[in-house]
Amino acid sequence: MADHAAIHETVEAAKEIEFAHATGLINAILRKVAKNPSKFRKKCDKKQLTELACLSA
């Protein structure tokens, strides 16, 4: 699946589970990660991947 399609599906899923208020943030974070995934793989270890702190760069 292409990055843009996965991002779109994730945003749509967020709307379905009543997180419509956060779709802009979700979209922005996923687009940032998709643009440069290696940067985030290096910065975020497996434990940190559940925390948004490792995505702020």
N, C-alpha and C. Protein backbone atom coordinates (compact mmCIF):
# COMPACT_ATOMS: atom_id res chain seq x y z
N MET A 1 0.84 -1.16 0.00
CA MET A 1 0.00 0.00 0.00
C MET A 1 0.90 1.23 0.00
N ALA A 2 0.55 2.19 -0.81
CA ALA A 2 1.31 3.43 -0.88
C ALA A 2 1.14 4.24 0.40
N ASP A 3 2.15 5.04 0.73
CA ASP A 3 2.10 5.84 1.96
C ASP A 3 0.85 6.70 2.03
N HIS A 4 0.56 7.40 0.94
CA HIS A 4 -0.59 8.31 0.97
C HIS A 4 -1.90 7.57 1.21
N ALA A 5 -2.01 6.36 0.68
CA ALA A 5 -3.22 5.56 0.88
C ALA A 5 -3.32 5.10 2.34
N ALA A 6 -2.21 4.70 2.91
CA ALA A 6 -2.21 4.27 4.31
C ALA A 6 -2.55 5.43 5.24
N ILE A 7 -2.03 6.59 4.94
CA ILE A 7 -2.33 7.78 5.74
C ILE A 7 -3.81 8.11 5.65
N HIS A 8 -4.33 8.09 4.43
CA HIS A 8 -5.75 8.36 4.22
C HIS A 8 -6.63 7.38 5.00
N GLU A 9 -6.32 6.11 4.92
CA GLU A 9 -7.10 5.09 5.61
C GLU A 9 -7.03 5.28 7.13
N THR A 10 -5.88 5.66 7.63
CA THR A 10 -5.73 5.89 9.06
C THR A 10 -6.56 7.08 9.52
N VAL A 11 -6.54 8.15 8.74
CA VAL A 11 -7.33 9.34 9.06
C VAL A 11 -8.82 9.00 9.02
N GLU A 12 -9.24 8.25 8.02
CA GLU A 12 -10.65 7.85 7.92
C GLU A 12 -11.05 6.97 9.10
N ALA A 13 -10.17 6.09 9.51
CA ALA A 13 -10.45 5.23 10.67
C ALA A 13 -10.58 6.07 11.94
N ALA A 14 -9.74 7.08 12.07
CA ALA A 14 -9.82 7.97 13.24
C ALA A 14 -11.18 8.66 13.29
N LYS A 15 -11.68 9.05 12.14
CA LYS A 15 -13.01 9.69 12.09
C LYS A 15 -14.09 8.72 12.55
N GLU A 16 -13.96 7.48 12.17
CA GLU A 16 -14.97 6.47 12.51
C GLU A 16 -15.00 6.15 14.01
N ILE A 17 -13.88 6.30 14.68
CA ILE A 17 -13.86 6.00 16.12
C ILE A 17 -13.89 7.28 16.96
N GLU A 18 -14.50 8.29 16.39
CA GLU A 18 -14.75 9.55 17.09
C GLU A 18 -13.49 10.33 17.48
N PHE A 19 -12.49 10.28 16.62
CA PHE A 19 -11.30 11.10 16.80
C PHE A 19 -11.17 12.12 15.67
N ALA A 20 -12.33 12.56 15.14
CA ALA A 20 -12.32 13.52 14.04
C ALA A 20 -11.58 14.80 14.41
N HIS A 21 -11.63 15.17 15.67
CA HIS A 21 -10.96 16.39 16.13
C HIS A 21 -9.43 16.28 16.01
N ALA A 22 -8.91 15.09 15.90
CA ALA A 22 -7.46 14.89 15.86
C ALA A 22 -6.94 14.51 14.48
N THR A 23 -7.80 14.52 13.47
CA THR A 23 -7.37 14.03 12.16
C THR A 23 -6.27 14.90 11.53
N GLY A 24 -6.30 16.19 11.78
CA GLY A 24 -5.24 17.05 11.25
C GLY A 24 -3.88 16.70 11.84
N LEU A 25 -3.86 16.46 13.13
CA LEU A 25 -2.62 16.08 13.82
C LEU A 25 -2.14 14.71 13.34
N ILE A 26 -3.06 13.77 13.25
CA ILE A 26 -2.71 12.42 12.79
C ILE A 26 -2.12 12.49 11.39
N ASN A 27 -2.78 13.22 10.52
CA ASN A 27 -2.31 13.36 9.14
C ASN A 27 -0.91 13.99 9.10
N ALA A 28 -0.72 15.05 9.87
CA ALA A 28 0.57 15.74 9.86
C ALA A 28 1.70 14.84 10.35
N ILE A 29 1.45 14.12 11.44
CA ILE A 29 2.49 13.23 11.98
C ILE A 29 2.83 12.12 11.00
N LEU A 30 1.81 11.48 10.44
CA LEU A 30 2.06 10.38 9.51
C LEU A 30 2.75 10.85 8.24
N ARG A 31 2.38 12.03 7.74
CA ARG A 31 3.05 12.57 6.54
C ARG A 31 4.51 12.87 6.82
N LYS A 32 4.79 13.38 8.03
CA LYS A 32 6.17 13.70 8.41
C LYS A 32 7.01 12.42 8.48
N VAL A 33 6.45 11.39 9.07
CA VAL A 33 7.16 10.11 9.17
C VAL A 33 7.34 9.49 7.78
N ALA A 34 6.31 9.54 6.95
CA ALA A 34 6.38 8.96 5.61
C ALA A 34 7.42 9.67 4.74
N LYS A 35 7.60 10.96 4.96
CA LYS A 35 8.56 11.74 4.18
C LYS A 35 10.01 11.31 4.44
N ASN A 36 10.30 10.94 5.68
CA ASN A 36 11.67 10.57 6.04
C ASN A 36 11.66 9.47 7.10
N PRO A 37 11.25 8.25 6.73
CA PRO A 37 11.10 7.19 7.72
C PRO A 37 12.41 6.79 8.42
N SER A 38 13.51 6.86 7.72
CA SER A 38 14.77 6.43 8.34
C SER A 38 15.15 7.35 9.51
N LYS A 39 14.79 8.60 9.43
CA LYS A 39 15.07 9.55 10.51
C LYS A 39 14.35 9.11 11.79
N PHE A 40 13.14 8.63 11.66
CA PHE A 40 12.36 8.24 12.82
C PHE A 40 12.73 6.85 13.31
N ARG A 41 13.15 5.98 12.41
CA ARG A 41 13.59 4.65 12.84
C ARG A 41 14.83 4.76 13.71
N LYS A 42 15.71 5.65 13.34
CA LYS A 42 16.93 5.83 14.12
C LYS A 42 16.64 6.49 15.46
N LYS A 43 15.72 7.43 15.48
CA LYS A 43 15.46 8.20 16.68
C LYS A 43 14.58 7.46 17.68
N CYS A 44 13.67 6.66 17.21
CA CYS A 44 12.69 6.01 18.09
C CYS A 44 13.01 4.53 18.24
N ASP A 45 13.28 4.12 19.44
CA ASP A 45 13.45 2.69 19.65
C ASP A 45 12.07 2.04 19.80
N LYS A 46 12.02 0.74 19.89
CA LYS A 46 10.74 0.04 19.94
C LYS A 46 9.86 0.48 21.10
N LYS A 47 10.44 0.74 22.23
CA LYS A 47 9.67 1.16 23.40
C LYS A 47 9.05 2.54 23.17
N GLN A 48 9.76 3.43 22.55
CA GLN A 48 9.31 4.80 22.35
C GLN A 48 8.28 4.95 21.24
N LEU A 49 8.15 3.98 20.37
CA LEU A 49 7.25 4.13 19.23
C LEU A 49 5.80 4.38 19.64
N THR A 50 5.45 4.04 20.85
CA THR A 50 4.08 4.29 21.31
C THR A 50 3.93 5.71 21.87
N GLU A 51 4.99 6.44 21.93
CA GLU A 51 4.96 7.80 22.48
C GLU A 51 5.18 8.83 21.38
N LEU A 52 4.40 9.89 21.39
CA LEU A 52 4.54 10.93 20.39
C LEU A 52 5.84 11.72 20.56
N ALA A 53 6.44 11.66 21.73
CA ALA A 53 7.65 12.43 22.00
C ALA A 53 8.76 12.10 21.01
N CYS A 54 8.86 10.84 20.60
CA CYS A 54 9.95 10.47 19.69
C CYS A 54 9.70 10.97 18.28
N LEU A 55 8.49 11.43 17.96
CA LEU A 55 8.19 11.91 16.62
C LEU A 55 8.44 13.39 16.46
N SER A 56 8.62 14.11 17.54
CA SER A 56 8.86 15.54 17.43
C SER A 56 10.33 15.77 17.12
N ALA A 57 10.54 16.36 16.00
CA ALA A 57 11.93 16.60 15.58
C ALA A 57 12.04 17.97 14.93
